[in-house]
Protein backbone atom coordinates (compact mmCIF):
# COMPACT_ATOMS: atom_id res chain seq x y z
CA MET A 1 -36.16 75.95 168.36
CA ILE A 2 -33.65 78.66 167.46
CA VAL A 3 -30.73 76.87 169.14
CA SER A 4 -31.69 73.61 167.43
CA VAL A 5 -32.01 75.19 163.99
CA ARG A 6 -28.56 76.74 164.28
CA LYS A 7 -27.05 73.25 164.54
CA TYR A 8 -27.76 72.36 160.90
CA ARG A 9 -27.89 74.01 157.48
CA TRP A 10 -31.16 75.90 157.00
CA GLN A 11 -33.25 75.16 153.89
CA CYS A 12 -36.15 77.10 152.41
CA ILE A 13 -39.43 75.21 152.06
CA GLU A 14 -38.90 74.63 148.32
CA CYS A 15 -35.44 73.15 148.97
CA LYS A 16 -36.24 71.01 152.02
CA CYS A 17 -35.32 67.37 151.78
CA CYS A 18 -35.48 64.33 154.01
CA SER A 19 -32.86 64.41 156.77
CA ILE A 20 -32.49 60.64 156.50
CA CYS A 21 -32.24 59.87 152.77
CA GLY A 22 -31.31 63.38 151.58
CA THR A 23 -33.84 63.56 148.73
CA SER A 24 -36.86 65.75 148.15
CA ASP A 25 -38.65 63.07 146.12
CA ASN A 26 -42.25 62.37 147.15
CA ASP A 27 -42.62 65.71 148.89
CA ASP A 28 -46.20 64.77 149.77
CA GLN A 29 -44.66 62.21 152.13
CA LEU A 30 -42.42 64.73 153.96
CA LEU A 31 -43.17 65.54 157.59
CA PHE A 32 -41.61 68.56 159.25
CA CYS A 33 -40.62 68.52 162.89
CA ASP A 34 -42.48 71.16 164.88
CA ASP A 35 -39.39 71.79 167.03
CA CYS A 36 -36.49 72.00 164.55
CA ASP A 37 -38.28 72.14 161.15
CA ARG A 38 -36.20 69.29 159.68
CA GLY A 39 -37.98 67.21 157.04
CA TYR A 40 -38.45 63.43 157.10
CA HIS A 41 -40.20 61.09 154.68
CA MET A 42 -42.80 59.09 156.58
CA TYR A 43 -41.36 55.91 155.02
CA CYS A 44 -37.78 56.75 156.08
CA LEU A 45 -38.68 56.90 159.77
CA SER A 46 -38.11 53.91 162.01
CA PRO A 47 -40.73 52.63 162.37
CA PRO A 48 -42.26 54.11 159.20
CA LEU A 49 -45.52 56.02 159.46
CA ALA A 50 -48.43 55.09 157.18
CA SER A 51 -50.11 58.49 157.54
CA PRO A 52 -49.24 61.89 158.98
CA PRO A 53 -49.83 62.16 162.72
CA GLU A 54 -52.62 64.41 163.93
CA GLY A 55 -51.47 67.48 165.78
CA SER A 56 -47.85 68.38 166.35
CA TRP A 57 -44.98 66.02 165.61
CA SER A 58 -41.38 66.02 166.86
CA CYS A 59 -38.49 64.10 165.33
CA ARG A 60 -36.46 61.61 167.36
CA LEU A 61 -33.59 64.10 167.72
CA CYS A 62 -35.84 66.75 169.26
CA ILE A 63 -37.60 64.25 171.49
CA ALA A 64 -34.18 63.31 172.90
CA GLU A 65 -33.11 66.97 173.15
CA PHE A 66 -36.24 68.77 174.35
CA HIS A 67 -38.77 66.24 175.56
CA ARG A 68 -36.69 64.03 177.88
CA ARG A 69 -38.19 63.14 181.17
CA ASP A 70 -35.94 64.03 184.09
């Protein structure tokens, strides 16, 4: 996670915004990646999520970076 976090500007929890649309509106709809801690609105994801996933969640960038199958 440390290497991944160093690749983008860190934000405190009060300042976090969606990595896709860049806003912090509807903060109750923000998901945070368990690998890199970036925030994403559930409705900005493709496909959008109707509800938060149970358990841990990784963004598409981290899935490509850390969870690839060799």
